[in-house]
PDB file of all heavy atoms in Angstrom:
ATOM      1  N   LEU A   1      19.595 -41.615   1.233  1.00  0.00           N
ATOM      2  CA  LEU A   1      20.521 -42.077   0.164  1.00  0.00           C
ATOM      3  C   LEU A   1      21.875 -41.594   0.481  1.00  0.00           C
ATOM      4  O   LEU A   1      22.846 -42.279   0.205  1.00  0.00           O
ATOM      5  CB  LEU A   1      20.093 -41.588  -1.252  1.00  0.00           C
ATOM      6  CG  LEU A   1      20.935 -42.027  -2.456  1.00  0.00           C
ATOM      7  CD1 LEU A   1      21.024 -43.507  -2.474  1.00  0.00           C
ATOM      8  CD2 LEU A   1      20.221 -41.473  -3.712  1.00  0.00           C
ATOM      9  N   ALA A   2      22.079 -40.262   0.889  1.00  0.00           N
ATOM     10  CA  ALA A   2      23.395 -39.689   1.333  1.00  0.00           C
ATOM     11  C   ALA A   2      24.117 -40.726   2.196  1.00  0.00           C
ATOM     12  O   ALA A   2      25.309 -40.958   2.067  1.00  0.00           O
ATOM     13  CB  ALA A   2      23.175 -38.411   1.795  1.00  0.00           C
ATOM     14  N   GLN A   3      23.372 -41.157   3.187  1.00  0.00           N
ATOM     15  CA  GLN A   3      23.978 -42.121   4.170  1.00  0.00           C
ATOM     16  C   GLN A   3      24.448 -43.331   3.538  1.00  0.00           C
ATOM     17  O   GLN A   3      25.711 -43.735   3.907  1.00  0.00           O
ATOM     18  CB  GLN A   3      22.909 -42.440   5.242  1.00  0.00           C
ATOM     19  CG  GLN A   3      23.364 -43.178   6.515  1.00  0.00           C
ATOM     20  CD  GLN A   3      24.134 -42.211   7.431  1.00  0.00           C
ATOM     21  OE1 GLN A   3      23.448 -41.215   7.925  1.00  0.00           O
ATOM     22  NE2 GLN A   3      25.295 -42.428   7.819  1.00  0.00           N
ATOM     23  N   VAL A   4      23.684 -43.954   2.642  1.00  0.00           N
ATOM     24  CA  VAL A   4      24.222 -45.210   1.936  1.00  0.00           C
ATOM     25  C   VAL A   4      25.385 -44.883   1.258  1.00  0.00           C
ATOM     26  O   VAL A   4      26.382 -45.574   1.140  1.00  0.00           O
ATOM     27  CB  VAL A   4      23.019 -45.627   1.046  1.00  0.00           C
ATOM     28  CG1 VAL A   4      23.546 -46.883   0.186  1.00  0.00           C
ATOM     29  CG2 VAL A   4      21.777 -46.134   2.064  1.00  0.00           C
ATOM     30  N   ILE A   5      25.482 -43.714   0.422  1.00  0.00           N
ATOM     31  CA  ILE A   5      26.553 -43.367  -0.366  1.00  0.00           C
ATOM     32  C   ILE A   5      27.853 -43.245   0.423  1.00  0.00           C
ATOM     33  O   ILE A   5      28.804 -43.788   0.081  1.00  0.00           O
ATOM     34  CB  ILE A   5      26.266 -42.067  -1.120  1.00  0.00           C
ATOM     35  CG1 ILE A   5      25.226 -42.367  -2.160  1.00  0.00           C
ATOM     36  CG2 ILE A   5      27.519 -41.548  -1.832  1.00  0.00           C
ATOM     37  CD1 ILE A   5      24.668 -41.046  -2.865  1.00  0.00           C
ATOM     38  N   VAL A   6      27.904 -42.427   1.544  1.00  0.00           N
ATOM     39  CA  VAL A   6      29.032 -42.201   2.270  1.00  0.00           C
ATOM     40  C   VAL A   6      29.548 -43.464   2.986  1.00  0.00           C
ATOM     41  O   VAL A   6      30.696 -43.762   3.084  1.00  0.00           O
ATOM     42  CB  VAL A   6      28.940 -40.989   3.278  1.00  0.00           C
ATOM     43  CG1 VAL A   6      28.834 -39.645   2.560  1.00  0.00           C
ATOM     44  CG2 VAL A   6      27.817 -41.218   4.336  1.00  0.00           C
ATOM     45  N   ASP A   7      28.527 -44.274   3.480  1.00  0.00           N
ATOM     46  CA  ASP A   7      28.813 -45.503   4.156  1.00  0.00           C
ATOM     47  C   ASP A   7      29.527 -46.489   3.158  1.00  0.00           C
ATOM     48  O   ASP A   7      30.644 -47.169   3.525  1.00  0.00           O
ATOM     49  CB  ASP A   7      27.640 -46.171   4.806  1.00  0.00           C
ATOM     50  CG  ASP A   7      27.119 -45.555   5.989  1.00  0.00           C
ATOM     51  OD1 ASP A   7      27.831 -44.624   6.516  1.00  0.00           O
ATOM     52  OD2 ASP A   7      25.984 -45.810   6.455  1.00  0.00           O
ATOM     53  N   SER A   8      29.041 -46.590   1.919  1.00  0.00           N
ATOM     54  CA  SER A   8      29.630 -47.458   0.976  1.00  0.00           C
ATOM     55  C   SER A   8      30.915 -47.022   0.410  1.00  0.00           C
ATOM     56  O   SER A   8      31.834 -47.789   0.084  1.00  0.00           O
ATOM     57  CB  SER A   8      28.630 -47.708  -0.126  1.00  0.00           C
ATOM     58  OG  SER A   8      28.372 -46.598  -0.874  1.00  0.00           O
ATOM     59  N   ALA A   9      31.152 -45.721   0.512  1.00  0.00           N
ATOM     60  CA  ALA A   9      32.421 -45.201   0.038  1.00  0.00           C
ATOM     61  C   ALA A   9      33.614 -45.107   1.098  1.00  0.00           C
ATOM     62  O   ALA A   9      34.750 -44.834   0.969  1.00  0.00           O
ATOM     63  CB  ALA A   9      32.302 -43.789  -0.502  1.00  0.00           C
ATOM     64  N   GLY A  10      33.105 -45.488   2.356  1.00  0.00           N
ATOM     65  CA  GLY A  10      34.051 -45.548   3.444  1.00  0.00           C
ATOM     66  C   GLY A  10      34.505 -44.136   4.032  1.00  0.00           C
ATOM     67  O   GLY A  10      35.489 -43.901   4.490  1.00  0.00           O
ATOM     68  N   VAL A  11      33.512 -43.246   3.813  1.00  0.00           N
ATOM     69  CA  VAL A  11      33.644 -41.866   4.391  1.00  0.00           C
ATOM     70  C   VAL A  11      33.392 -41.769   5.824  1.00  0.00           C
ATOM     71  O   VAL A  11      32.386 -42.303   6.276  1.00  0.00           O
ATOM     72  CB  VAL A  11      32.801 -40.893   3.580  1.00  0.00           C
ATOM     73  CG1 VAL A  11      32.841 -39.489   4.199  1.00  0.00           C
ATOM     74  CG2 VAL A  11      33.087 -40.894   2.136  1.00  0.00           C
ATOM     75  N   ILE A  12      34.348 -41.179   6.511  1.00  0.00           N
ATOM     76  CA  ILE A  12      34.074 -41.001   7.977  1.00  0.00           C
ATOM     77  C   ILE A  12      33.583 -39.590   8.259  1.00  0.00           C
ATOM     78  O   ILE A  12      34.248 -38.513   7.859  1.00  0.00           O
ATOM     79  CB  ILE A  12      35.453 -41.184   8.693  1.00  0.00           C
ATOM     80  CG1 ILE A  12      35.945 -42.609   8.473  1.00  0.00           C
ATOM     81  CG2 ILE A  12      35.360 -40.927  10.241  1.00  0.00           C
ATOM     82  CD1 ILE A  12      37.435 -42.859   8.753  1.00  0.00           C
ATOM     83  N   ILE A  13      32.414 -39.530   8.769  1.00  0.00           N
ATOM     84  CA  ILE A  13      31.785 -38.288   8.915  1.00  0.00           C
ATOM     85  C   ILE A  13      32.197 -37.652  10.338  1.00  0.00           C
ATOM     86  O   ILE A  13      31.836 -38.183  11.395  1.00  0.00           O
ATOM     87  CB  ILE A  13      30.172 -38.427   8.901  1.00  0.00           C
ATOM     88  CG1 ILE A  13      29.711 -39.130   7.577  1.00  0.00           C
ATOM     89  CG2 ILE A  13      29.457 -37.147   9.041  1.00  0.00           C
ATOM     90  CD1 ILE A  13      28.334 -39.608   7.639  1.00  0.00           C
ATOM     91  N   GLN A  14      32.798 -36.456  10.265  1.00  0.00           N
ATOM     92  CA  GLN A  14      33.026 -35.681  11.518  1.00  0.00           C
ATOM     93  C   GLN A  14      31.845 -35.001  11.920  1.00  0.00           C
ATOM     94  O   GLN A  14      31.565 -34.973  13.108  1.00  0.00           O
ATOM     95  CB  GLN A  14      34.226 -34.743  11.146  1.00  0.00           C
ATOM     96  CG  GLN A  14      34.732 -33.941  12.331  1.00  0.00           C
ATOM     97  CD  GLN A  14      35.411 -34.742  13.429  1.00  0.00           C
ATOM     98  OE1 GLN A  14      36.200 -35.534  13.292  1.00  0.00           O
ATOM     99  NE2 GLN A  14      35.110 -34.363  14.705  1.00  0.00           N
ATOM    100  N   ASN A  15      31.250 -34.126  11.107  1.00  0.00           N
ATOM    101  CA  ASN A  15      30.070 -33.357  11.306  1.00  0.00           C
ATOM    102  C   ASN A  15      28.882 -33.996  10.624  1.00  0.00           C
ATOM    103  O   ASN A  15      29.016 -34.313   9.412  1.00  0.00           O
ATOM    104  CB  ASN A  15      30.225 -31.954  10.908  1.00  0.00           C
ATOM    105  CG  ASN A  15      31.366 -31.244  11.674  1.00  0.00           C
ATOM    106  OD1 ASN A  15      31.839 -31.652  12.687  1.00  0.00           O
ATOM    107  ND2 ASN A  15      31.681 -29.993  11.106  1.00  0.00           N
ATOM    108  N   PRO A  16      27.743 -34.279  11.338  1.00  0.00           N
ATOM    109  CA  PRO A  16      26.551 -34.934  10.716  1.00  0.00           C
ATOM    110  C   PRO A  16      26.153 -34.171   9.506  1.00  0.00           C
ATOM    111  O   PRO A  16      25.410 -34.737   8.734  1.00  0.00           O
ATOM    112  CB  PRO A  16      25.591 -35.022  11.840  1.00  0.00           C
ATOM    113  CG  PRO A  16      26.420 -34.781  13.089  1.00  0.00           C
ATOM    114  CD  PRO A  16      27.521 -34.025  12.789  1.00  0.00           C
ATOM    115  N   ASP A  17      26.389 -32.856   9.328  1.00  0.00           N
ATOM    116  CA  ASP A  17      25.858 -32.209   8.265  1.00  0.00           C
ATOM    117  C   ASP A  17      26.836 -32.278   7.021  1.00  0.00           C
ATOM    118  O   ASP A  17      26.598 -31.524   6.005  1.00  0.00           O
ATOM    119  CB  ASP A  17      25.586 -30.628   8.532  1.00  0.00           C
ATOM    120  CG  ASP A  17      26.821 -29.969   8.920  1.00  0.00           C
ATOM    121  OD1 ASP A  17      27.954 -30.479   8.996  1.00  0.00           O
ATOM    122  OD2 ASP A  17      26.767 -28.704   9.425  1.00  0.00           O
ATOM    123  N   LEU A  18      27.887 -33.086   7.065  1.00  0.00           N
ATOM    124  CA  LEU A  18      28.743 -33.442   6.010  1.00  0.00           C
ATOM    125  C   LEU A  18      29.835 -32.272   5.785  1.00  0.00           C
ATOM    126  O   LEU A  18      30.518 -32.318   4.784  1.00  0.00           O
ATOM    127  CB  LEU A  18      28.049 -33.684   4.717  1.00  0.00           C
ATOM    128  CG  LEU A  18      27.384 -35.014   4.631  1.00  0.00           C
ATOM    129  CD1 LEU A  18      26.679 -35.137   3.196  1.00  0.00           C
ATOM    130  CD2 LEU A  18      28.284 -36.168   4.838  1.00  0.00           C
ATOM    131  N   THR A  19      29.765 -31.221   6.708  1.00  0.00           N
ATOM    132  CA  THR A  19      30.747 -30.089   6.347  1.00  0.00           C
ATOM    133  C   THR A  19      32.292 -30.523   6.587  1.00  0.00           C
ATOM    134  O   THR A  19      33.108 -29.966   5.934  1.00  0.00           O
ATOM    135  CB  THR A  19      30.465 -28.840   7.232  1.00  0.00           C
ATOM    136  OG1 THR A  19      30.344 -29.240   8.530  1.00  0.00           O
ATOM    137  CG2 THR A  19      29.185 -28.155   6.797  1.00  0.00           C
ATOM    138  N   ILE A  20      32.419 -31.547   7.402  1.00  0.00           N
ATOM    139  CA  ILE A  20      33.790 -32.115   7.664  1.00  0.00           C
ATOM    140  C   ILE A  20      33.770 -33.581   7.636  1.00  0.00           C
ATOM    141  O   ILE A  20      32.996 -34.158   8.421  1.00  0.00           O
ATOM    142  CB  ILE A  20      34.448 -31.623   8.943  1.00  0.00           C
ATOM    143  CG1 ILE A  20      34.518 -30.125   8.953  1.00  0.00           C
ATOM    144  CG2 ILE A  20      35.809 -32.274   9.086  1.00  0.00           C
ATOM    145  CD1 ILE A  20      35.078 -29.458  10.164  1.00  0.00           C
ATOM    146  N   CYS A  21      34.450 -34.268   6.722  1.00  0.00           N
ATOM    147  CA  CYS A  21      34.570 -35.620   6.628  1.00  0.00           C
ATOM    148  C   CYS A  21      36.045 -36.030   6.434  1.00  0.00           C
ATOM    149  O   CYS A  21      36.869 -35.206   6.066  1.00  0.00           O
ATOM    150  CB  CYS A  21      33.744 -36.081   5.383  1.00  0.00           C
ATOM    151  SG  CYS A  21      32.027 -35.644   5.354  1.00  0.00           S
ATOM    152  N   TYR A  22      36.262 -37.251   6.485  1.00  0.00           N
ATOM    153  CA  TYR A  22      37.593 -37.894   6.348  1.00  0.00           C
ATOM    154  C   TYR A  22      37.408 -39.150   5.566  1.00  0.00           C
ATOM    155  O   TYR A  22      36.417 -39.839   5.526  1.00  0.00           O
ATOM    156  CB  TYR A  22      38.346 -38.140   7.612  1.00  0.00           C
ATOM    157  CG  TYR A  22      38.636 -36.970   8.534  1.00  0.00           C
ATOM    158  CD1 TYR A  22      37.761 -36.418   9.406  1.00  0.00           C
ATOM    159  CD2 TYR A  22      39.837 -36.294   8.342  1.00  0.00           C
ATOM    160  CE1 TYR A  22      37.980 -35.361  10.150  1.00  0.00           C
ATOM    161  CE2 TYR A  22      40.120 -35.225   9.136  1.00  0.00           C
ATOM    162  CZ  TYR A  22      39.212 -34.693  10.062  1.00  0.00           C
ATOM    163  OH  TYR A  22      39.465 -33.675  10.774  1.00  0.00           O
ATOM    164  N   ASP A  23      38.586 -39.604   4.849  1.00  0.00           N
ATOM    165  CA  ASP A  23      38.449 -40.941   4.256  1.00  0.00           C
ATOM    166  C   ASP A  23      39.283 -41.870   5.241  1.00  0.00           C
ATOM    167  O   ASP A  23      39.856 -41.358   6.216  1.00  0.00           O
ATOM    168  CB  ASP A  23      39.064 -40.942   2.851  1.00  0.00           C
ATOM    169  CG  ASP A  23      40.582 -40.475   2.693  1.00  0.00           C
ATOM    170  OD1 ASP A  23      41.271 -40.627   3.650  1.00  0.00           O
ATOM    171  OD2 ASP A  23      40.874 -40.135   1.585  1.00  0.00           O
ATOM    172  N   GLU A  24      39.439 -43.113   4.889  1.00  0.00           N
ATOM    173  CA  GLU A  24      40.103 -44.105   5.800  1.00  0.00           C
ATOM    174  C   GLU A  24      41.601 -43.826   5.989  1.00  0.00           C
ATOM    175  O   GLU A  24      42.204 -44.326   6.894  1.00  0.00           O
ATOM    176  CB  GLU A  24      39.831 -45.498   5.448  1.00  0.00           C
ATOM    177  CG  GLU A  24      40.351 -45.878   4.096  1.00  0.00           C
ATOM    178  CD  GLU A  24      39.440 -45.625   2.891  1.00  0.00           C
ATOM    179  OE1 GLU A  24      38.390 -44.995   3.111  1.00  0.00           O
ATOM    180  OE2 GLU A  24      39.745 -46.011   1.679  1.00  0.00           O
ATOM    181  N   ARG A  25      42.151 -43.051   4.975  1.00  0.00           N
ATOM    182  CA  ARG A  25      43.524 -42.703   5.088  1.00  0.00           C
ATOM    183  C   ARG A  25      43.761 -41.452   6.016  1.00  0.00           C
ATOM    184  O   ARG A  25      44.933 -41.056   6.147  1.00  0.00           O
ATOM    185  CB  ARG A  25      44.146 -42.423   3.677  1.00  0.00           C
ATOM    186  CG  ARG A  25      44.121 -43.683   2.836  1.00  0.00           C
ATOM    187  CD  ARG A  25      44.707 -43.372   1.505  1.00  0.00           C
ATOM    188  NE  ARG A  25      44.579 -44.409   0.564  1.00  0.00           N
ATOM    189  CZ  ARG A  25      44.672 -44.265  -0.742  1.00  0.00           C
ATOM    190  NH1 ARG A  25      44.915 -43.185  -1.251  1.00  0.00           N
ATOM    191  NH2 ARG A  25      44.482 -45.464  -1.565  1.00  0.00           N
ATOM    192  N   GLY A  26      42.776 -40.746   6.474  1.00  0.00           N
ATOM    193  CA  GLY A  26      42.975 -39.611   7.248  1.00  0.00           C
ATOM    194  C   GLY A  26      42.810 -38.269   6.535  1.00  0.00           C
ATOM    195  O   GLY A  26      42.939 -37.211   7.155  1.00  0.00           O
ATOM    196  N   ALA A  27      42.718 -38.304   5.132  1.00  0.00           N
ATOM    197  CA  ALA A  27      42.483 -37.084   4.443  1.00  0.00           C
ATOM    198  C   ALA A  27      41.203 -36.306   4.761  1.00  0.00           C
ATOM    199  O   ALA A  27      40.247 -37.022   4.957  1.00  0.00           O
ATOM    200  CB  ALA A  27      42.509 -37.297   2.866  1.00  0.00           C
TER     201      ALA A  27
END
């Protein structure tokens, strides 16, 4: 479910454990 949530929100996953992520604007 976490995968579906971040994919639909446009979150870019840097670390597969979600400790570092970015949005499409680079934040």
